[in-house]
Amino acid sequence: MIHVKDHKQRDMFNPFEYLGPKRLALLESSWAHLFREEILHNLPVEKIFHLYDEFKGRKTKELYTMLGITLLQQMEDLTDEATVHEFAFSIKWHYALNVTDKSDFSSYVAPRTLWTMRDIVARLGLDGALFENVTETMTKLFDLDPTKQRLDSIHIFSNMAHLGRIRLFVRTIRKFLVNLKRHHADLYQALGDIAIRYEEKNDGQFAVKPSESSRKLQEVGNDCFLLVEHFKDREEIVSMSSYQLLVRLFTEQCVVEKTDAATTVVIKPNKDVPSDSLQHPSDPDAGYCGHKGKGYQMQVMEMYSPDKSQPNLITHVKVEAAHESDANALLPAIEDAAERDLAPTELLADSLYGSDDNVEKAKELGVEVVSPTMGTQSHKIGLADFTFSGSDEIAACPEGQKPQRIKTGKNGGKIVHFDKAVCDKCPRQSDCPVKRDKRHSTISYDVKALRLSRRRAREKTAAFSEVYRFRAGVEGTMSDLDRITGIKHLRVRGMPQVRLAAVLKATGLNILRAMAFKNRLRRQEKREKGPNPSPNGHIGDVKEQVSRLLGYLRELSGVFRPVNYRTARFESQAA
């Protein structure tokens, strides 16, 4: 039965009044107050109503509270056991989640219940809804301006071992054999020696010297091929996920060469194994990045303000396998933000995002991408250093020589001919991109080459440096995600759970940053008002200091007072 509480309705008396004014002030300056007042009642609990009956069955845990716990666990990077303890005993968590009933039903959650709710959120993809709800709430609360944003990615390691190729074969084959033994014991027994070879107790035979690794890799490749071929015609085995992983591994790592005499398994060289290949049989969704390693990555786009007049809130996140290219992430990020009215007009990114195609397509969406161009200029003099006419035809070289003739190719490219005799005498010919042969001096370019050259020239200006220097601020966000939320090393594996953890950690960082900004505004207002000029304010300070001194003196006198004196005093009073 669905159990929810109306968190917009306030209690007649403050249930946390017992904390006193000072502890209440601490709560109101923490993320718990922001969560309680602005976020809790906006959590998308209606998206899980269909999993429960409205009237029948045992009453659920309070669903707003359960979604809140799922979010707070990732924000504070807690294990399940630590989360259970925080929810049971932490006043801050009770305040944030509006838990006013001290009974076990309201103030305790079992680890199994917590795991179930996290699994529901992952399966339904509610992490995205949670992120969007919190981001929208913060945007409205602070009246944020999303016109200036920046984009980058962060690498994520899931909870999987990093295996070499031999160990990868061994783990995948063993996973299949364990499942085969569990569901088809007779087929497992019929395998004989190969089944015994991959039992865990015989694992030491696969720890070989580097000089023997090629031979051992060939052996495990042959065993993998034998198992794939042996069961390929049995439908009940082919449908097993562990067998499908075995087939995937063999396809990605090996090649079969058939001749009239025999069939041979050839192990692919490392460079021929694709980056989206299987990295671990327990985490088949993970990919490989040659720069950062195995695992996942998350694209992060955040708004910023040069004058720090608003918090740097994350507006877009997307979790993907590590092999995905950053070049394919820019346009989806802009489109996703635009759907939620958070699209930037100026987006800072590094050179991987700033391909010419991305820059031009983003311009069609009304976004200026500020990014360095890939590669380097081949000569000191670039195409942009030439003088051009209004139709983007070269009018003169940097030394003032005009072209003799200009030819236009089929695809719009241009070939410009200069006087070779003049070019041969030019003092800057070694720095010039004009190509000289026995008869001609020519330079070829198209619209794309001209755009890239002009971008490279613009990158050398002070105006570009002044704008682009704010891109480095996104590295601080990546550092916060790592240090505060622990996003780089997760306790889960598999895309659904990795996505849940990463997206909710980004959501939690938005909450922490919003509260830090709110406290900064509060301190600024307090400074602007200045100290309290009223005499009563100073009298209160003096009284507090005097009361502290008197208390200290009483304690000090009690230390040096003889015990028998106290006893005698109490005895005389009793008489």
Protein backbone atom coordinates (compact mmCIF):
# COMPACT_ATOMS: atom_id res chain seq x y z
CA MET A 1 0.00 0.00 0.00
CA ILE A 2 1.34 3.41 -1.00
CA HIS A 3 2.49 5.54 1.92
CA VAL A 4 3.47 9.16 1.26
CA LYS A 5 3.54 12.23 3.48
CA ASP A 6 2.62 15.79 2.53
CA HIS A 7 5.92 17.52 3.18
CA LYS A 8 4.55 20.92 2.19
CA GLN A 9 2.32 20.92 5.28
CA ARG A 10 4.13 22.28 8.30
CA ASP A 11 3.79 21.08 11.90
CA MET A 12 1.99 23.33 14.36
CA PHE A 13 5.04 23.13 16.64
CA ASN A 14 8.59 22.69 15.46
CA PRO A 15 9.49 19.04 16.21
CA PHE A 16 13.18 19.99 16.35
CA GLU A 17 12.73 22.84 18.83
CA TYR A 18 14.40 20.74 21.51
CA LEU A 19 17.75 21.28 19.75
CA GLY A 20 17.88 24.89 20.88
CA PRO A 21 18.63 28.02 18.83
CA LYS A 22 22.31 27.33 18.18
CA ARG A 23 21.94 23.79 16.86
CA LEU A 24 18.91 24.85 14.84
CA ALA A 25 21.00 27.64 13.35
CA LEU A 26 23.62 25.08 12.34
CA LEU A 27 20.96 22.95 10.66
CA GLU A 28 19.54 25.95 8.81
CA SER A 29 22.99 26.76 7.41
CA SER A 30 23.55 23.17 6.19
CA TRP A 31 22.43 21.29 3.10
CA ALA A 32 19.74 19.62 5.25
CA HIS A 33 17.68 22.82 5.41
CA LEU A 34 17.82 23.35 1.64
CA PHE A 35 16.88 19.71 1.07
CA ARG A 36 13.95 19.91 3.51
CA GLU A 37 12.56 23.20 2.25
CA GLU A 38 13.11 23.02 -1.51
CA ILE A 39 13.88 19.49 -2.70
CA LEU A 40 12.11 16.83 -0.62
CA HIS A 41 8.55 17.59 -1.77
CA ASN A 42 9.69 17.79 -5.43
CA LEU A 43 11.10 14.25 -5.61
CA PRO A 44 9.37 12.25 -8.42
CA VAL A 45 7.63 9.65 -6.24
CA GLU A 46 4.67 9.47 -8.63
CA LYS A 47 6.89 7.59 -11.08
CA ILE A 48 7.01 4.55 -8.77
CA PHE A 49 3.33 4.50 -7.74
CA HIS A 50 2.57 1.88 -10.39
CA LEU A 51 4.74 -0.65 -8.52
CA TYR A 52 2.41 -0.61 -5.50
CA ASP A 53 -1.31 -0.92 -4.84
CA GLU A 54 -3.03 2.17 -3.51
CA PHE A 55 -5.06 0.35 -0.85
CA LYS A 56 -3.98 -3.30 -0.58
CA GLY A 57 -0.93 -4.88 1.00
CA ARG A 58 1.47 -3.82 3.68
CA LYS A 59 2.16 -0.10 3.92
CA THR A 60 5.40 0.93 2.19
CA LYS A 61 8.10 3.00 3.76
CA GLU A 62 7.42 6.69 3.21
CA LEU A 63 8.33 7.02 -0.48
CA TYR A 64 9.63 10.60 -0.41
CA THR A 65 11.94 9.52 2.39
CA MET A 66 13.14 6.45 0.48
CA LEU A 67 13.98 8.45 -2.66
CA GLY A 68 15.69 11.02 -0.46
CA ILE A 69 17.81 8.33 1.23
CA THR A 70 18.85 7.00 -2.19
CA LEU A 71 20.03 10.47 -3.18
CA LEU A 72 21.76 11.29 0.12
CA GLN A 73 23.63 7.98 0.14
CA GLN A 74 25.38 8.87 -3.11
CA MET A 75 25.89 12.51 -2.14
CA GLU A 76 27.79 11.49 1.00
CA ASP A 77 29.38 8.39 -0.62
CA LEU A 78 28.14 5.95 2.03
CA THR A 79 27.98 2.18 2.12
CA ASP A 80 24.60 0.54 2.75
CA GLU A 81 25.53 -0.14 6.36
CA ALA A 82 26.61 3.46 6.95
CA THR A 83 23.43 4.72 5.27
CA VAL A 84 21.26 2.63 7.59
CA HIS A 85 23.09 4.07 10.60
CA GLU A 86 22.85 7.66 9.35
CA PHE A 87 19.12 7.35 8.76
CA ALA A 88 18.61 5.73 12.16
CA PHE A 89 20.66 8.13 14.30
CA SER A 90 21.55 11.32 12.39
CA ILE A 91 19.53 14.38 13.40
CA LYS A 92 20.65 16.11 10.21
CA TRP A 93 19.18 13.32 8.07
CA HIS A 94 15.93 13.33 10.09
CA TYR A 95 15.69 17.08 9.64
CA ALA A 96 16.43 16.91 5.89
CA LEU A 97 13.93 14.08 5.31
CA ASN A 98 11.32 15.58 7.67
CA VAL A 99 11.25 12.48 9.87
CA THR A 100 9.42 13.59 13.02
CA ASP A 101 8.24 10.19 14.24
CA LYS A 102 10.89 8.39 16.30
CA SER A 103 9.41 4.92 15.84
CA ASP A 104 11.37 2.18 14.08
CA PHE A 105 8.90 2.20 11.20
CA SER A 106 9.69 5.84 10.38
CA SER A 107 13.32 6.07 11.51
CA TYR A 108 14.78 2.76 10.38
CA VAL A 109 15.28 1.14 6.98
CA ALA A 110 16.62 -2.37 6.44
CA PRO A 111 19.60 -2.83 4.08
CA ARG A 112 17.43 -5.06 1.87
CA THR A 113 14.77 -2.35 1.58
CA LEU A 114 17.44 0.20 0.70
CA TRP A 115 18.88 -2.12 -1.96
CA THR A 116 15.41 -2.72 -3.43
CA MET A 117 14.65 0.99 -3.74
CA ARG A 118 18.04 1.64 -5.34
CA ASP A 119 17.38 -1.18 -7.81
CA ILE A 120 13.95 0.30 -8.65
CA VAL A 121 15.45 3.73 -9.29
CA ALA A 122 18.16 2.20 -11.51
CA ARG A 123 15.77 0.00 -13.52
CA LEU A 124 13.27 2.81 -14.14
CA GLY A 125 16.00 5.35 -14.89
CA LEU A 126 14.70 7.72 -12.21
CA ASP A 127 18.20 9.07 -11.58
CA GLY A 128 17.68 11.39 -14.54
CA ALA A 129 14.34 12.61 -13.17
CA LEU A 130 15.92 13.25 -9.76
CA PHE A 131 18.74 15.23 -11.36
CA GLU A 132 16.37 17.29 -13.50
CA ASN A 133 14.01 18.04 -10.59
CA VAL A 134 16.82 19.27 -8.35
CA THR A 135 18.45 21.30 -11.14
CA GLU A 136 15.15 22.94 -12.06
CA THR A 137 14.45 23.75 -8.41
CA MET A 138 17.86 25.35 -7.90
CA THR A 139 17.58 27.30 -11.15
CA LYS A 140 14.27 28.83 -10.10
CA LEU A 141 15.38 29.43 -6.51
CA PHE A 142 18.45 31.47 -7.48
CA ASP A 143 17.10 32.80 -10.81
CA LEU A 144 20.17 31.44 -12.59
CA ASP A 145 21.44 32.53 -15.99
CA PRO A 146 22.56 29.50 -18.07
CA THR A 147 24.00 31.46 -21.01
CA LYS A 148 27.64 30.71 -20.08
CA GLN A 149 28.55 27.05 -19.61
CA ARG A 150 31.48 24.64 -19.95
CA LEU A 151 31.78 20.95 -20.80
CA ASP A 152 34.19 18.16 -19.92
CA SER A 153 34.21 14.45 -19.00
CA ILE A 154 35.34 12.45 -15.97
CA HIS A 155 36.51 8.83 -15.96
CA ILE A 156 34.77 6.34 -13.66
CA PHE A 157 36.09 3.00 -12.42
CA SER A 158 33.38 0.51 -11.55
CA ASN A 159 33.82 -2.21 -8.94
CA MET A 160 35.63 -4.68 -11.21
CA ALA A 161 39.14 -6.08 -11.35
CA HIS A 162 41.38 -4.94 -14.20
CA LEU A 163 42.24 -8.13 -16.05
CA GLY A 164 44.96 -8.95 -18.55
CA ARG A 165 44.01 -10.96 -21.62
CA ILE A 166 44.80 -14.37 -20.10
CA ARG A 167 42.80 -13.63 -16.94
CA LEU A 168 39.96 -12.27 -19.03
CA PHE A 169 39.69 -15.58 -20.90
CA VAL A 170 39.95 -17.56 -17.65
CA ARG A 171 37.26 -15.54 -15.84
CA THR A 172 34.86 -15.65 -18.77
CA ILE A 173 35.31 -19.39 -19.35
CA ARG A 174 34.94 -20.08 -15.62
CA LYS A 175 31.78 -17.98 -15.42
CA PHE A 176 30.26 -20.04 -18.22
CA LEU A 177 31.33 -23.35 -16.68
CA VAL A 178 29.92 -22.43 -13.25
CA ASN A 179 26.54 -21.60 -14.79
CA LEU A 180 26.67 -24.75 -16.90
CA LYS A 181 27.32 -26.88 -13.82
CA ARG A 182 24.47 -25.20 -11.95
CA HIS A 183 21.83 -25.64 -14.65
CA HIS A 184 23.12 -28.56 -16.77
CA ALA A 185 25.26 -30.76 -14.53
CA ASP A 186 25.29 -33.67 -16.99
CA LEU A 187 26.72 -31.53 -19.79
CA TYR A 188 29.32 -30.15 -17.42
CA GLN A 189 30.48 -33.61 -16.36
CA ALA A 190 30.77 -34.67 -20.00
CA LEU A 191 33.40 -31.97 -20.65
CA GLY A 192 36.02 -33.85 -18.62
CA ASP A 193 39.50 -32.29 -18.36
CA ILE A 194 38.61 -28.83 -19.65
CA ALA A 195 36.05 -28.40 -16.85
CA ILE A 196 38.57 -29.45 -14.20
CA ARG A 197 41.26 -27.18 -15.64
CA TYR A 198 39.22 -24.04 -15.02
CA GLU A 199 38.17 -24.81 -11.47
CA GLU A 200 39.24 -22.11 -9.04
CA LYS A 201 41.59 -24.43 -7.14
CA ASN A 202 43.68 -24.83 -10.33
CA ASP A 203 44.03 -21.08 -10.85
CA GLY A 204 47.80 -21.08 -10.30
CA GLN A 205 48.55 -22.65 -13.69
CA PHE A 206 47.50 -19.40 -15.41
CA ALA A 207 50.06 -17.26 -13.54
CA VAL A 208 52.88 -17.56 -16.08
CA LYS A 209 56.08 -15.69 -16.85
CA PRO A 210 55.97 -12.98 -19.54
CA SER A 211 58.00 -15.21 -21.84
CA GLU A 212 55.29 -17.89 -21.63
CA SER A 213 52.27 -15.60 -21.86
CA SER A 214 51.84 -16.00 -25.65
CA ARG A 215 51.71 -19.77 -25.36
CA LYS A 216 49.24 -19.69 -22.47
CA LEU A 217 47.08 -17.13 -24.27
CA GLN A 218 46.94 -19.44 -27.28
CA GLU A 219 45.87 -22.33 -25.01
CA VAL A 220 42.99 -20.44 -23.40
CA GLY A 221 41.94 -19.16 -26.85
CA ASN A 222 41.78 -22.75 -28.10
CA ASP A 223 39.72 -23.77 -25.06
CA CYS A 224 37.33 -20.89 -25.64
CA PHE A 225 36.87 -21.93 -29.27
CA LEU A 226 36.29 -25.55 -28.24
CA LEU A 227 33.49 -24.56 -25.84
CA VAL A 228 31.86 -22.19 -28.33
CA GLU A 229 31.82 -24.85 -31.06
CA HIS A 230 30.76 -27.65 -28.70
CA PHE A 231 27.55 -25.93 -27.58
CA LYS A 232 26.66 -23.77 -30.59
CA ASP A 233 23.83 -26.10 -31.69
CA ARG A 234 22.15 -26.43 -28.27
CA GLU A 235 19.47 -23.77 -27.88
CA GLU A 236 19.26 -24.06 -24.09
CA ILE A 237 22.98 -23.24 -23.84
CA VAL A 238 23.08 -20.57 -26.54
CA SER A 239 20.40 -18.60 -24.67
CA MET A 240 22.60 -18.36 -21.54
CA SER A 241 24.10 -14.92 -21.02
CA SER A 242 27.43 -16.44 -19.93
CA TYR A 243 27.67 -18.36 -23.23
CA GLN A 244 26.93 -15.17 -25.16
CA LEU A 245 29.78 -13.47 -23.30
CA LEU A 246 32.02 -16.36 -24.29
CA VAL A 247 31.11 -15.89 -27.96
CA ARG A 248 31.64 -12.14 -27.69
CA LEU A 249 35.07 -12.60 -26.10
CA PHE A 250 36.20 -15.07 -28.76
CA THR A 251 34.96 -12.85 -31.61
CA GLU A 252 36.75 -9.79 -30.24
CA GLN A 253 40.03 -11.48 -29.29
CA CYS A 254 40.51 -14.26 -31.88
CA VAL A 255 40.30 -15.10 -35.56
CA VAL A 256 39.65 -18.55 -37.03
CA GLU A 257 41.76 -19.56 -40.04
CA LYS A 258 40.47 -22.57 -41.94
CA THR A 259 42.52 -24.65 -44.38
CA ASP A 260 41.98 -28.03 -45.98
CA ALA A 261 44.17 -29.63 -43.36
CA ALA A 262 42.93 -28.03 -40.14
CA THR A 263 41.21 -25.13 -38.37
CA THR A 264 43.50 -22.80 -36.45
CA VAL A 265 42.70 -20.19 -33.80
CA VAL A 266 44.83 -17.04 -34.12
CA ILE A 267 44.97 -14.53 -31.26
CA LYS A 268 44.60 -10.95 -32.47
CA PRO A 269 47.38 -8.44 -31.72
CA ASN A 270 46.54 -5.97 -28.96
CA LYS A 271 46.14 -3.11 -31.42
CA ASP A 272 43.45 -5.00 -33.34
CA VAL A 273 41.22 -5.58 -30.31
CA PRO A 274 38.41 -2.95 -30.38
CA SER A 275 38.05 -0.47 -27.52
CA ASP A 276 34.44 -1.54 -26.91
CA SER A 277 35.52 -5.15 -26.31
CA LEU A 278 34.64 -7.10 -23.17
CA GLN A 279 36.68 -5.85 -20.20
CA HIS A 280 35.28 -8.13 -17.48
CA PRO A 281 32.57 -10.83 -17.59
CA SER A 282 30.93 -9.32 -14.49
CA ASP A 283 30.69 -5.87 -16.10
CA PRO A 284 30.03 -6.32 -19.82
CA ASP A 285 28.94 -2.68 -20.26
CA ALA A 286 32.38 -1.24 -19.47
CA GLY A 287 34.63 0.06 -22.24
CA TYR A 288 38.29 0.93 -22.68
CA CYS A 289 39.94 4.31 -23.16
CA GLY A 290 43.58 4.28 -24.23
CA HIS A 291 44.17 7.49 -22.29
CA LYS A 292 42.36 6.73 -18.99
CA GLY A 293 41.81 2.96 -18.88
CA LYS A 294 38.86 0.63 -18.39
CA GLY A 295 35.44 1.59 -17.07
CA TYR A 296 32.99 4.38 -17.80
CA GLN A 297 32.93 8.12 -18.25
CA MET A 298 30.43 10.86 -17.52
CA GLN A 299 29.93 13.99 -19.60
CA VAL A 300 29.43 17.00 -17.34
CA MET A 301 28.18 20.42 -18.45
CA GLU A 302 27.89 23.20 -15.89
CA MET A 303 26.95 26.85 -15.85
CA TYR A 304 29.36 29.45 -14.51
CA SER A 305 29.58 33.20 -14.00
CA PRO A 306 32.86 35.14 -14.37
CA ASP A 307 31.95 37.39 -11.41
CA LYS A 308 30.83 34.43 -9.22
CA SER A 309 27.36 35.95 -8.86
CA GLN A 310 25.71 32.53 -9.04
CA PRO A 311 26.61 28.94 -8.11
CA ASN A 312 28.31 26.70 -10.67
CA LEU A 313 25.51 24.17 -11.03
CA ILE A 314 25.71 21.12 -13.29
CA THR A 315 23.06 21.29 -16.01
CA HIS A 316 23.73 18.10 -17.99
CA VAL A 317 25.17 14.67 -17.23
CA LYS A 318 25.44 11.56 -19.36
CA VAL A 319 27.11 8.30 -18.34
CA GLU A 320 28.61 6.19 -21.13
CA ALA A 321 31.23 3.50 -21.67
CA ALA A 322 34.84 4.70 -21.58
CA HIS A 323 35.44 4.06 -25.29
CA GLU A 324 32.93 6.70 -26.40
CA SER A 325 34.48 9.76 -28.03
CA ASP A 326 34.07 13.21 -26.49
CA ALA A 327 33.51 14.55 -30.00
CA ASN A 328 30.09 12.89 -30.06
CA ALA A 329 28.97 14.37 -26.72
CA LEU A 330 28.73 18.09 -27.46
CA LEU A 331 25.55 18.28 -29.55
CA PRO A 332 23.52 15.86 -27.35
CA ALA A 333 24.52 17.94 -24.31
CA ILE A 334 23.29 21.15 -25.93
CA GLU A 335 20.05 19.54 -27.08
CA ASP A 336 19.36 18.01 -23.66
CA ALA A 337 19.89 21.34 -21.92
CA ALA A 338 17.71 23.11 -24.50
CA GLU A 339 14.79 20.77 -23.77
CA ARG A 340 14.87 21.98 -20.15
CA ASP A 341 15.37 25.68 -21.05
CA LEU A 342 18.99 25.57 -19.86
CA ALA A 343 20.78 25.87 -23.20
CA PRO A 344 23.92 28.06 -23.22
CA THR A 345 24.76 30.72 -25.75
CA GLU A 346 28.49 30.33 -25.09
CA LEU A 347 30.04 26.94 -24.35
CA LEU A 348 33.68 26.39 -23.38
CA ALA A 349 35.22 22.99 -24.14
CA ASP A 350 38.57 21.44 -24.95
CA SER A 351 39.77 20.62 -28.46
CA LEU A 352 38.19 17.12 -28.59
CA TYR A 353 34.73 18.69 -28.50
CA GLY A 354 35.60 21.55 -30.84
CA SER A 355 35.71 19.88 -34.25
CA ASP A 356 34.66 22.05 -37.17
CA ASP A 357 31.44 20.04 -37.66
CA ASN A 358 30.51 20.43 -33.99
CA VAL A 359 31.20 24.15 -34.00
CA GLU A 360 29.10 24.74 -37.12
CA LYS A 361 26.17 22.56 -35.95
CA ALA A 362 26.22 24.21 -32.54
CA LYS A 363 26.10 27.60 -34.25
CA GLU A 364 22.87 26.49 -35.97
CA LEU A 365 21.45 25.79 -32.50
CA GLY A 366 22.40 29.28 -31.35
CA VAL A 367 25.47 28.23 -29.33
CA GLU A 368 28.98 29.60 -29.80
CA VAL A 369 31.54 26.91 -28.97
CA VAL A 370 34.82 28.35 -27.70
CA SER A 371 37.44 25.66 -28.14
CA PRO A 372 40.99 25.28 -29.47
CA THR A 373 41.34 23.57 -32.82
CA MET A 374 42.86 20.11 -33.13
CA GLY A 375 46.33 19.74 -34.62
CA THR A 376 48.98 22.34 -35.32
CA GLN A 377 49.69 24.75 -38.14
CA SER A 378 52.20 23.33 -40.63
CA HIS A 379 53.86 26.70 -41.39
CA LYS A 380 54.45 29.89 -39.45
CA ILE A 381 52.28 31.72 -41.95
CA GLY A 382 48.70 30.45 -41.92
CA LEU A 383 45.92 30.68 -44.45
CA ALA A 384 44.24 33.36 -42.32
CA ASP A 385 47.30 35.63 -42.78
CA PHE A 386 46.43 36.08 -46.46
CA THR A 387 44.19 38.94 -47.59
CA PHE A 388 40.71 37.83 -48.69
CA SER A 389 37.93 39.41 -50.68
CA GLY A 390 34.31 39.48 -49.58
CA SER A 391 33.70 36.15 -51.32
CA ASP A 392 36.56 34.48 -49.37
CA GLU A 393 38.93 34.44 -52.35
CA ILE A 394 42.60 35.26 -51.75
CA ALA A 395 43.30 38.83 -52.84
CA ALA A 396 46.97 38.96 -51.83
CA CYS A 397 49.62 37.03 -49.91
CA PRO A 398 51.10 38.39 -46.65
CA GLU A 399 53.86 40.06 -48.71
CA GLY A 400 51.31 41.81 -50.96
CA GLN A 401 51.67 39.66 -54.12
CA LYS A 402 48.36 39.24 -55.94
CA PRO A 403 47.39 35.88 -57.47
CA GLN A 404 47.66 35.35 -61.20
CA ARG A 405 44.53 33.22 -61.41
CA ILE A 406 42.09 31.30 -59.16
CA LYS A 407 40.42 28.02 -60.07
CA THR A 408 37.32 26.66 -58.33
CA GLY A 409 37.03 22.88 -57.97
CA LYS A 410 33.92 20.68 -58.17
CA ASN A 411 33.43 20.66 -54.38
CA GLY A 412 33.92 24.40 -53.94
CA GLY A 413 37.63 24.25 -53.14
CA LYS A 414 39.94 26.83 -54.65
CA ILE A 415 43.42 26.59 -56.21
CA VAL A 416 45.29 29.89 -56.24
CA HIS A 417 48.27 30.45 -58.57
CA PHE A 418 50.99 32.97 -57.79
CA ASP A 419 53.89 34.20 -59.92
CA LYS A 420 56.63 31.62 -59.29
CA ALA A 421 59.43 34.07 -60.10
CA VAL A 422 58.26 36.38 -57.34
CA CYS A 423 57.79 33.51 -54.85
CA ASP A 424 61.33 32.25 -55.52
CA LYS A 425 62.75 35.59 -54.37
CA CYS A 426 60.44 35.94 -51.33
CA PRO A 427 62.42 36.12 -48.02
CA ARG A 428 59.58 34.31 -46.18
CA GLN A 429 59.21 31.36 -48.56
CA SER A 430 60.27 28.85 -45.84
CA ASP A 431 57.42 30.04 -43.60
CA CYS A 432 54.81 30.17 -46.37
CA PRO A 433 52.23 27.41 -47.05
CA VAL A 434 52.37 28.09 -50.82
CA LYS A 435 53.69 24.98 -52.60
CA ARG A 436 56.35 25.51 -55.29
CA ASP A 437 57.36 23.09 -58.00
CA LYS A 438 59.23 23.52 -61.27
CA ARG A 439 56.45 25.48 -62.97
CA HIS A 440 53.92 26.70 -60.41
CA SER A 441 53.43 28.28 -57.02
CA THR A 442 49.99 27.33 -55.72
CA ILE A 443 47.95 27.09 -52.55
CA SER A 444 44.74 25.04 -52.22
CA TYR A 445 42.01 25.51 -49.62
CA ASP A 446 38.31 25.08 -49.03
CA VAL A 447 35.78 26.69 -46.71
CA LYS A 448 36.56 24.32 -43.83
CA ALA A 449 40.32 24.89 -44.06
CA LEU A 450 39.75 28.65 -44.05
CA ARG A 451 37.49 28.44 -40.98
CA LEU A 452 40.05 26.37 -39.08
CA SER A 453 42.86 28.75 -39.99
CA ARG A 454 40.86 31.72 -38.81
CA ARG A 455 40.07 29.92 -35.55
CA ARG A 456 43.77 29.23 -35.00
CA ALA A 457 44.55 32.89 -35.60
CA ARG A 458 41.82 33.92 -33.13
CA GLU A 459 43.27 31.60 -30.46
CA LYS A 460 46.41 33.74 -30.36
CA THR A 461 44.50 36.89 -29.38
CA ALA A 462 44.07 38.26 -25.86
CA ALA A 463 40.27 38.29 -26.30
CA PHE A 464 40.20 34.50 -26.79
CA SER A 465 42.43 33.93 -23.75
CA GLU A 466 40.21 36.13 -21.61
CA VAL A 467 37.12 34.08 -22.49
CA TYR A 468 38.69 30.63 -22.58
CA ARG A 469 40.49 30.94 -19.25
CA PHE A 470 37.23 30.10 -17.46
CA ARG A 471 37.19 26.62 -18.98
CA ALA A 472 39.78 25.53 -16.39
CA GLY A 473 37.11 25.98 -13.70
CA VAL A 474 35.43 22.75 -14.78
CA GLU A 475 38.44 20.86 -13.45
CA GLY A 476 37.43 22.04 -10.00
CA THR A 477 34.06 20.39 -10.53
CA MET A 478 35.74 17.12 -11.48
CA SER A 479 37.87 17.38 -8.35
CA ASP A 480 34.78 17.99 -6.19
CA LEU A 481 33.00 15.02 -7.73
CA ASP A 482 35.99 12.86 -6.86
CA ARG A 483 36.91 14.17 -3.39
CA ILE A 484 33.42 14.88 -2.04
CA THR A 485 31.27 12.22 -3.68
CA GLY A 486 33.87 9.56 -4.62
CA ILE A 487 32.64 9.27 -8.20
CA LYS A 488 35.89 7.93 -9.68
CA HIS A 489 35.76 4.65 -7.76
CA LEU A 490 32.25 3.24 -7.37
CA ARG A 491 31.06 0.28 -5.31
CA VAL A 492 28.81 -1.00 -8.11
CA ARG A 493 29.18 -2.29 -11.67
CA GLY A 494 26.97 -2.51 -14.72
CA MET A 495 25.59 0.47 -16.63
CA PRO A 496 22.26 0.88 -14.72
CA GLN A 497 23.90 0.97 -11.28
CA VAL A 498 26.91 3.01 -12.43
CA ARG A 499 24.59 5.54 -14.07
CA LEU A 500 22.45 5.75 -10.92
CA ALA A 501 25.46 6.35 -8.65
CA ALA A 502 27.17 8.87 -10.94
CA VAL A 503 24.08 10.95 -11.75
CA LEU A 504 22.97 11.13 -8.11
CA LYS A 505 26.48 12.15 -7.04
CA ALA A 506 26.31 15.02 -9.53
CA THR A 507 22.87 15.89 -8.14
CA GLY A 508 24.27 15.87 -4.61
CA LEU A 509 27.11 18.17 -5.63
CA ASN A 510 24.53 20.64 -6.98
CA ILE A 511 22.81 20.62 -3.57
CA LEU A 512 26.07 21.22 -1.70
CA ARG A 513 27.12 24.02 -4.04
CA ALA A 514 23.72 25.70 -3.87
CA MET A 515 23.82 25.72 -0.07
CA ALA A 516 27.40 27.00 -0.01
CA PHE A 517 26.35 29.85 -2.32
CA LYS A 518 23.32 30.63 -0.16
CA ASN A 519 25.52 30.82 2.94
CA ARG A 520 27.94 33.10 1.11
CA LEU A 521 25.09 35.48 0.24
CA ARG A 522 23.98 35.42 3.87
CA ARG A 523 27.47 36.28 5.12
CA GLN A 524 27.75 39.05 2.54
CA GLU A 525 24.47 40.58 3.67
CA LYS A 526 25.62 40.39 7.26
CA ARG A 527 28.87 42.18 6.42
CA GLU A 528 27.00 44.90 4.53
CA LYS A 529 24.75 45.55 7.53
CA GLY A 530 27.80 45.84 9.76
CA PRO A 531 28.04 45.16 13.51
CA ASN A 532 25.00 45.68 15.74
CA PRO A 533 25.19 49.33 16.94
CA SER A 534 22.63 48.96 19.74
CA PRO A 535 23.90 49.04 23.36
CA ASN A 536 21.90 45.90 24.12
CA GLY A 537 24.02 43.96 21.67
CA HIS A 538 27.24 44.89 23.50
CA ILE A 539 25.64 44.28 26.91
CA GLY A 540 24.63 40.79 25.80
CA ASP A 541 28.20 40.04 24.74
CA VAL A 542 29.56 41.24 28.11
CA LYS A 543 26.99 39.25 30.08
CA GLU A 544 27.87 36.08 28.17
CA GLN A 545 31.57 36.53 28.91
CA VAL A 546 30.90 37.25 32.61
CA SER A 547 28.66 34.19 32.95
CA ARG A 548 31.39 32.02 31.41
CA LEU A 549 33.94 33.44 33.88
CA LEU A 550 31.66 32.80 36.87
CA GLY A 551 31.03 29.25 35.77
CA TYR A 552 34.75 28.66 35.44
CA LEU A 553 35.37 30.04 38.94
CA ARG A 554 32.69 27.81 40.44
CA GLU A 555 34.26 24.74 38.85
CA LEU A 556 37.69 25.83 40.05
CA SER A 557 36.49 26.33 43.63
CA GLY A 558 34.89 22.89 43.60
CA VAL A 559 38.18 21.30 42.63
CA PHE A 560 40.10 22.80 45.61
CA ARG A 561 37.29 22.44 48.18
CA PRO A 562 37.99 19.54 50.63
CA VAL A 563 35.68 16.59 50.44
CA ASN A 564 35.14 16.50 54.24
CA TYR A 565 33.95 20.15 54.10
CA ARG A 566 31.20 19.21 51.64
CA THR A 567 30.21 16.26 53.80
CA ALA A 568 30.08 18.40 56.93
CA ARG A 569 27.93 21.02 55.18
CA PHE A 570 25.38 18.48 54.00
CA GLU A 571 25.32 16.79 57.44
CA SER A 572 24.64 20.10 59.20
CA GLN A 573 21.80 20.88 56.81
CA ALA A 574 20.29 17.45 57.43
CA ALA A 575 20.46 17.96 61.22
